[in-house]
Amino acid sequence: MIKTLIVDDNPGFLKRVKDFLATCEGIEIIGEASDGEQAISKTLELNPDLVLMDVRMGVMNGLNATQRLKDELPDLVIIILSKYDLHEYREAARIRGADGYVVKTSMVEELLPTIQQVMIDQV
């Protein structure tokens, strides 16, 4: 099972991700957070294998949280979920250590294959 933490400040989208992942074999949702600071504390508390991280959130954005988590836990897998399909965001996510980037409107088609690929790359 891939222990997964979901980080997003939109309760409606958070529910969509949880509902979608509930249909995916081998993925266990162990927690959720609504900003980057919560993502860091929940990650340290719950020790997930995978963090699905929104880009734009209050308190601390997902890019800064990703960099802090990767600095502390370089083997942690982080996939950015964003409504923005922009090269600048993809590049910023890559530079900060994100292992993948999925546009929210393509979640159903792209999220599971991205998870599978980045988890295989970790082995």
N, C-alpha and C. Protein backbone atom coordinates (compact mmCIF):
# COMPACT_ATOMS: atom_id res chain seq x y z
N MET A 1 0.83 -1.20 0.00
CA MET A 1 0.00 0.00 0.00
C MET A 1 0.87 1.26 0.00
N ILE A 2 0.49 2.21 -0.80
CA ILE A 2 1.18 3.49 -0.85
C ILE A 2 0.45 4.44 0.11
N LYS A 3 1.11 4.74 1.23
CA LYS A 3 0.52 5.64 2.22
C LYS A 3 0.59 7.07 1.67
N THR A 4 -0.58 7.71 1.57
CA THR A 4 -0.68 8.98 0.85
C THR A 4 -1.27 10.09 1.71
N LEU A 5 -0.63 11.25 1.66
CA LEU A 5 -1.12 12.47 2.29
C LEU A 5 -1.57 13.41 1.18
N ILE A 6 -2.77 13.97 1.31
CA ILE A 6 -3.30 14.89 0.30
C ILE A 6 -3.31 16.29 0.90
N VAL A 7 -2.76 17.26 0.14
CA VAL A 7 -2.67 18.64 0.61
C VAL A 7 -3.34 19.56 -0.40
N ASP A 8 -4.45 20.17 0.03
CA ASP A 8 -5.17 21.10 -0.85
C ASP A 8 -6.07 21.97 0.02
N ASP A 9 -6.17 23.25 -0.31
CA ASP A 9 -6.99 24.16 0.49
C ASP A 9 -8.43 24.26 0.00
N ASN A 10 -8.78 23.53 -1.05
CA ASN A 10 -10.14 23.54 -1.58
C ASN A 10 -10.84 22.26 -1.11
N PRO A 11 -11.79 22.36 -0.16
CA PRO A 11 -12.44 21.16 0.37
C PRO A 11 -13.14 20.32 -0.71
N GLY A 12 -13.71 20.97 -1.72
CA GLY A 12 -14.38 20.25 -2.79
C GLY A 12 -13.40 19.42 -3.61
N PHE A 13 -12.25 20.00 -3.95
CA PHE A 13 -11.26 19.25 -4.71
C PHE A 13 -10.64 18.16 -3.85
N LEU A 14 -10.40 18.46 -2.59
CA LEU A 14 -9.86 17.46 -1.67
C LEU A 14 -10.75 16.22 -1.64
N LYS A 15 -12.06 16.44 -1.58
CA LYS A 15 -13.00 15.32 -1.59
C LYS A 15 -12.93 14.56 -2.91
N ARG A 16 -12.81 15.28 -4.03
CA ARG A 16 -12.70 14.62 -5.34
C ARG A 16 -11.47 13.72 -5.40
N VAL A 17 -10.36 14.21 -4.89
CA VAL A 17 -9.12 13.41 -4.89
C VAL A 17 -9.31 12.18 -4.02
N LYS A 18 -9.85 12.37 -2.82
CA LYS A 18 -10.07 11.24 -1.92
C LYS A 18 -11.01 10.21 -2.54
N ASP A 19 -12.10 10.67 -3.14
CA ASP A 19 -13.05 9.75 -3.79
C ASP A 19 -12.38 8.99 -4.94
N PHE A 20 -11.58 9.70 -5.72
CA PHE A 20 -10.89 9.05 -6.84
C PHE A 20 -9.89 8.02 -6.34
N LEU A 21 -9.07 8.39 -5.38
CA LEU A 21 -8.05 7.47 -4.88
C LEU A 21 -8.65 6.27 -4.17
N ALA A 22 -9.85 6.44 -3.63
CA ALA A 22 -10.52 5.31 -2.97
C ALA A 22 -10.82 4.19 -3.96
N THR A 23 -10.88 4.51 -5.25
CA THR A 23 -11.14 3.50 -6.28
C THR A 23 -9.86 2.88 -6.82
N CYS A 24 -8.71 3.37 -6.36
CA CYS A 24 -7.42 2.92 -6.87
C CYS A 24 -6.81 1.88 -5.93
N GLU A 25 -6.58 0.72 -6.45
CA GLU A 25 -5.99 -0.35 -5.64
C GLU A 25 -4.55 0.00 -5.26
N GLY A 26 -4.21 -0.28 -4.02
CA GLY A 26 -2.84 -0.10 -3.57
C GLY A 26 -2.53 1.26 -2.99
N ILE A 27 -3.53 2.14 -2.87
CA ILE A 27 -3.31 3.47 -2.32
C ILE A 27 -4.15 3.63 -1.07
N GLU A 28 -3.50 4.04 0.01
CA GLU A 28 -4.19 4.28 1.28
C GLU A 28 -4.02 5.75 1.66
N ILE A 29 -5.12 6.43 1.86
CA ILE A 29 -5.08 7.84 2.28
C ILE A 29 -4.93 7.85 3.80
N ILE A 30 -3.81 8.40 4.28
CA ILE A 30 -3.56 8.39 5.71
C ILE A 30 -3.75 9.76 6.36
N GLY A 31 -3.97 10.79 5.54
CA GLY A 31 -4.18 12.11 6.11
C GLY A 31 -4.38 13.16 5.05
N GLU A 32 -4.70 14.35 5.55
CA GLU A 32 -4.90 15.50 4.66
C GLU A 32 -4.46 16.76 5.38
N ALA A 33 -4.14 17.77 4.60
CA ALA A 33 -3.73 19.07 5.12
C ALA A 33 -4.25 20.14 4.16
N SER A 34 -4.34 21.37 4.67
CA SER A 34 -4.90 22.44 3.83
C SER A 34 -3.92 23.56 3.52
N ASP A 35 -2.68 23.44 3.96
CA ASP A 35 -1.66 24.42 3.59
C ASP A 35 -0.28 23.78 3.75
N GLY A 36 0.74 24.50 3.30
CA GLY A 36 2.09 23.96 3.32
C GLY A 36 2.63 23.67 4.70
N GLU A 37 2.34 24.52 5.66
CA GLU A 37 2.82 24.27 7.03
C GLU A 37 2.20 23.00 7.60
N GLN A 38 0.89 22.84 7.39
CA GLN A 38 0.23 21.61 7.84
C GLN A 38 0.81 20.40 7.10
N ALA A 39 1.13 20.56 5.84
CA ALA A 39 1.71 19.46 5.06
C ALA A 39 3.01 18.99 5.68
N ILE A 40 3.83 19.92 6.10
CA ILE A 40 5.11 19.56 6.72
C ILE A 40 4.87 18.84 8.04
N SER A 41 4.03 19.40 8.89
CA SER A 41 3.82 18.76 10.20
C SER A 41 3.14 17.40 10.05
N LYS A 42 2.16 17.28 9.15
CA LYS A 42 1.48 15.99 8.94
C LYS A 42 2.44 14.96 8.34
N THR A 43 3.31 15.41 7.45
CA THR A 43 4.28 14.48 6.87
C THR A 43 5.21 13.93 7.94
N LEU A 44 5.71 14.80 8.80
CA LEU A 44 6.61 14.36 9.86
C LEU A 44 5.88 13.46 10.86
N GLU A 45 4.59 13.73 11.08
CA GLU A 45 3.80 12.93 12.02
C GLU A 45 3.41 11.57 11.44
N LEU A 46 2.95 11.55 10.18
CA LEU A 46 2.33 10.35 9.60
C LEU A 46 3.29 9.50 8.75
N ASN A 47 4.40 10.09 8.31
CA ASN A 47 5.39 9.37 7.51
C ASN A 47 4.79 8.73 6.24
N PRO A 48 4.16 9.53 5.37
CA PRO A 48 3.60 8.97 4.14
C PRO A 48 4.69 8.57 3.15
N ASP A 49 4.31 7.73 2.18
CA ASP A 49 5.19 7.39 1.07
C ASP A 49 5.08 8.44 -0.04
N LEU A 50 3.89 9.05 -0.10
CA LEU A 50 3.54 9.96 -1.19
C LEU A 50 2.77 11.15 -0.64
N VAL A 51 3.12 12.35 -1.13
CA VAL A 51 2.35 13.55 -0.82
C VAL A 51 1.85 14.12 -2.13
N LEU A 52 0.54 14.35 -2.20
CA LEU A 52 -0.07 15.04 -3.34
C LEU A 52 -0.28 16.47 -2.89
N MET A 53 0.42 17.42 -3.52
CA MET A 53 0.54 18.79 -3.02
C MET A 53 -0.01 19.81 -4.00
N ASP A 54 -0.96 20.60 -3.54
CA ASP A 54 -1.46 21.73 -4.32
C ASP A 54 -0.36 22.79 -4.41
N VAL A 55 -0.38 23.60 -5.46
CA VAL A 55 0.63 24.64 -5.63
C VAL A 55 0.28 25.88 -4.82
N ARG A 56 -0.90 26.41 -5.03
CA ARG A 56 -1.27 27.70 -4.44
C ARG A 56 -2.18 27.49 -3.24
N MET A 57 -1.65 27.83 -2.06
CA MET A 57 -2.41 27.73 -0.81
C MET A 57 -1.99 28.88 0.08
N GLY A 58 -2.83 29.19 1.05
CA GLY A 58 -2.48 30.22 2.03
C GLY A 58 -1.44 29.69 3.01
N VAL A 59 -0.98 30.54 3.88
CA VAL A 59 0.02 30.27 4.92
C VAL A 59 1.38 29.93 4.29
N MET A 60 1.48 28.79 3.60
CA MET A 60 2.71 28.44 2.86
C MET A 60 2.27 27.71 1.60
N ASN A 61 2.79 28.13 0.45
CA ASN A 61 2.39 27.49 -0.79
C ASN A 61 3.04 26.11 -0.94
N GLY A 62 2.54 25.35 -1.88
CA GLY A 62 3.02 23.99 -2.08
C GLY A 62 4.44 23.88 -2.60
N LEU A 63 4.89 24.86 -3.34
CA LEU A 63 6.26 24.82 -3.84
C LEU A 63 7.26 24.98 -2.70
N ASN A 64 7.01 25.92 -1.80
CA ASN A 64 7.90 26.11 -0.66
C ASN A 64 7.85 24.90 0.27
N ALA A 65 6.66 24.36 0.49
CA ALA A 65 6.53 23.17 1.34
C ALA A 65 7.25 21.99 0.72
N THR A 66 7.15 21.85 -0.59
CA THR A 66 7.85 20.77 -1.29
C THR A 66 9.36 20.87 -1.07
N GLN A 67 9.89 22.05 -1.25
CA GLN A 67 11.33 22.23 -1.08
C GLN A 67 11.76 21.92 0.35
N ARG A 68 11.00 22.38 1.33
CA ARG A 68 11.37 22.11 2.73
C ARG A 68 11.30 20.62 3.03
N LEU A 69 10.26 19.95 2.52
CA LEU A 69 10.13 18.51 2.76
C LEU A 69 11.25 17.74 2.07
N LYS A 70 11.56 18.10 0.84
CA LYS A 70 12.62 17.40 0.11
C LYS A 70 13.99 17.63 0.74
N ASP A 71 14.21 18.83 1.31
CA ASP A 71 15.46 19.09 2.01
C ASP A 71 15.61 18.16 3.21
N GLU A 72 14.51 17.92 3.90
CA GLU A 72 14.54 17.10 5.10
C GLU A 72 14.37 15.60 4.80
N LEU A 73 13.54 15.28 3.81
CA LEU A 73 13.22 13.90 3.48
C LEU A 73 13.39 13.68 1.97
N PRO A 74 14.62 13.56 1.49
CA PRO A 74 14.85 13.51 0.04
C PRO A 74 14.20 12.33 -0.68
N ASP A 75 13.91 11.25 0.04
CA ASP A 75 13.28 10.09 -0.60
C ASP A 75 11.76 10.16 -0.64
N LEU A 76 11.17 11.16 0.01
CA LEU A 76 9.73 11.33 -0.01
C LEU A 76 9.28 11.66 -1.44
N VAL A 77 8.22 11.00 -1.89
CA VAL A 77 7.70 11.26 -3.23
C VAL A 77 6.62 12.33 -3.13
N ILE A 78 6.77 13.39 -3.92
CA ILE A 78 5.80 14.49 -3.93
C ILE A 78 5.37 14.73 -5.37
N ILE A 79 4.05 14.70 -5.56
CA ILE A 79 3.46 15.05 -6.86
C ILE A 79 2.66 16.32 -6.66
N ILE A 80 2.94 17.30 -7.50
CA ILE A 80 2.21 18.56 -7.46
C ILE A 80 0.90 18.40 -8.23
N LEU A 81 -0.19 18.87 -7.62
CA LEU A 81 -1.49 18.95 -8.28
C LEU A 81 -1.81 20.43 -8.45
N SER A 82 -2.06 20.85 -9.68
CA SER A 82 -2.29 22.27 -9.93
C SER A 82 -3.35 22.47 -10.99
N LYS A 83 -4.11 23.53 -10.84
CA LYS A 83 -5.06 23.87 -11.90
C LYS A 83 -4.36 24.61 -13.03
N TYR A 84 -3.08 24.94 -12.83
CA TYR A 84 -2.32 25.70 -13.81
C TYR A 84 -1.41 24.80 -14.64
N ASP A 85 -1.66 24.76 -15.93
CA ASP A 85 -0.82 23.99 -16.84
C ASP A 85 0.18 24.95 -17.49
N LEU A 86 1.09 25.43 -16.65
CA LEU A 86 2.06 26.43 -17.09
C LEU A 86 3.48 25.89 -16.97
N HIS A 87 4.29 26.14 -17.99
CA HIS A 87 5.68 25.70 -17.97
C HIS A 87 6.41 26.24 -16.73
N GLU A 88 6.14 27.51 -16.37
CA GLU A 88 6.82 28.12 -15.23
C GLU A 88 6.53 27.36 -13.94
N TYR A 89 5.28 26.92 -13.76
CA TYR A 89 4.92 26.17 -12.56
C TYR A 89 5.57 24.79 -12.57
N ARG A 90 5.55 24.15 -13.72
CA ARG A 90 6.18 22.82 -13.82
C ARG A 90 7.68 22.90 -13.51
N GLU A 91 8.33 23.92 -14.06
CA GLU A 91 9.76 24.10 -13.84
C GLU A 91 10.05 24.44 -12.37
N ALA A 92 9.24 25.30 -11.79
CA ALA A 92 9.43 25.66 -10.38
C ALA A 92 9.25 24.42 -9.49
N ALA A 93 8.28 23.58 -9.81
CA ALA A 93 8.05 22.35 -9.05
C ALA A 93 9.26 21.42 -9.19
N ARG A 94 9.76 21.27 -10.39
CA ARG A 94 10.93 20.40 -10.62
C ARG A 94 12.14 20.90 -9.85
N ILE A 95 12.39 22.19 -9.90
CA ILE A 95 13.54 22.78 -9.22
C ILE A 95 13.45 22.55 -7.71
N ARG A 96 12.25 22.59 -7.17
CA ARG A 96 12.08 22.42 -5.73
C ARG A 96 12.02 20.94 -5.31
N GLY A 97 12.12 20.04 -6.28
CA GLY A 97 12.24 18.63 -5.95
C GLY A 97 11.01 17.77 -6.18
N ALA A 98 9.96 18.33 -6.74
CA ALA A 98 8.75 17.53 -6.99
C ALA A 98 9.08 16.39 -7.97
N ASP A 99 8.46 15.25 -7.72
CA ASP A 99 8.70 14.07 -8.55
C ASP A 99 7.74 13.99 -9.73
N GLY A 100 6.66 14.76 -9.68
CA GLY A 100 5.68 14.75 -10.76
C GLY A 100 4.80 15.97 -10.68
N TYR A 101 4.03 16.20 -11.74
CA TYR A 101 3.15 17.36 -11.83
C TYR A 101 1.92 16.93 -12.61
N VAL A 102 0.74 17.08 -12.01
CA VAL A 102 -0.50 16.71 -12.66
C VAL A 102 -1.45 17.90 -12.62
N VAL A 103 -2.00 18.23 -13.78
CA VAL A 103 -3.00 19.30 -13.86
C VAL A 103 -4.33 18.74 -13.35
N LYS A 104 -4.98 19.50 -12.48
CA LYS A 104 -6.20 19.01 -11.82
C LYS A 104 -7.28 18.59 -12.81
N THR A 105 -7.40 19.28 -13.93
CA THR A 105 -8.44 18.93 -14.90
C THR A 105 -8.14 17.60 -15.59
N SER A 106 -6.92 17.11 -15.47
CA SER A 106 -6.52 15.83 -16.06
C SER A 106 -6.32 14.75 -15.00
N MET A 107 -6.78 15.00 -13.79
CA MET A 107 -6.51 14.10 -12.68
C MET A 107 -6.94 12.67 -12.96
N VAL A 108 -8.14 12.48 -13.47
CA VAL A 108 -8.66 11.13 -13.66
C VAL A 108 -7.79 10.35 -14.65
N GLU A 109 -7.31 11.00 -15.69
CA GLU A 109 -6.51 10.33 -16.70
C GLU A 109 -5.04 10.20 -16.31
N GLU A 110 -4.51 11.17 -15.58
CA GLU A 110 -3.06 11.25 -15.39
C GLU A 110 -2.55 10.91 -14.00
N LEU A 111 -3.38 11.04 -12.97
CA LEU A 111 -2.85 10.90 -11.61
C LEU A 111 -2.34 9.49 -11.32
N LEU A 112 -3.15 8.49 -11.56
CA LEU A 112 -2.72 7.12 -11.24
C LEU A 112 -1.48 6.71 -12.04
N PRO A 113 -1.42 6.94 -13.36
CA PRO A 113 -0.19 6.61 -14.09
C PRO A 113 1.04 7.37 -13.57
N THR A 114 0.84 8.62 -13.17
CA THR A 114 1.96 9.40 -12.63
C THR A 114 2.42 8.81 -11.30
N ILE A 115 1.48 8.47 -10.44
CA ILE A 115 1.83 7.84 -9.16
C ILE A 115 2.61 6.55 -9.41
N GLN A 116 2.09 5.73 -10.30
CA GLN A 116 2.76 4.44 -10.58
C GLN A 116 4.17 4.66 -11.10
N GLN A 117 4.35 5.63 -11.99
CA GLN A 117 5.67 5.87 -12.57
C GLN A 117 6.65 6.39 -11.53
N VAL A 118 6.24 7.37 -10.74
CA VAL A 118 7.20 7.94 -9.78
C VAL A 118 7.50 6.95 -8.65
N MET A 119 6.55 6.09 -8.31
CA MET A 119 6.84 5.09 -7.28
C MET A 119 7.80 4.03 -7.81
N ILE A 120 7.67 3.66 -9.10
CA ILE A 120 8.59 2.72 -9.72
C ILE A 120 10.00 3.33 -9.77
N ASP A 121 10.07 4.62 -10.10
CA ASP A 121 11.37 5.31 -10.18
C ASP A 121 12.08 5.33 -8.84
N GLN A 122 11.33 5.25 -7.74
CA GLN A 122 11.92 5.28 -6.39
C GLN A 122 12.56 3.96 -6.01
N VAL A 123 12.16 2.89 -6.67
CA VAL A 123 12.65 1.55 -6.29
C VAL A 123 14.06 1.31 -6.80
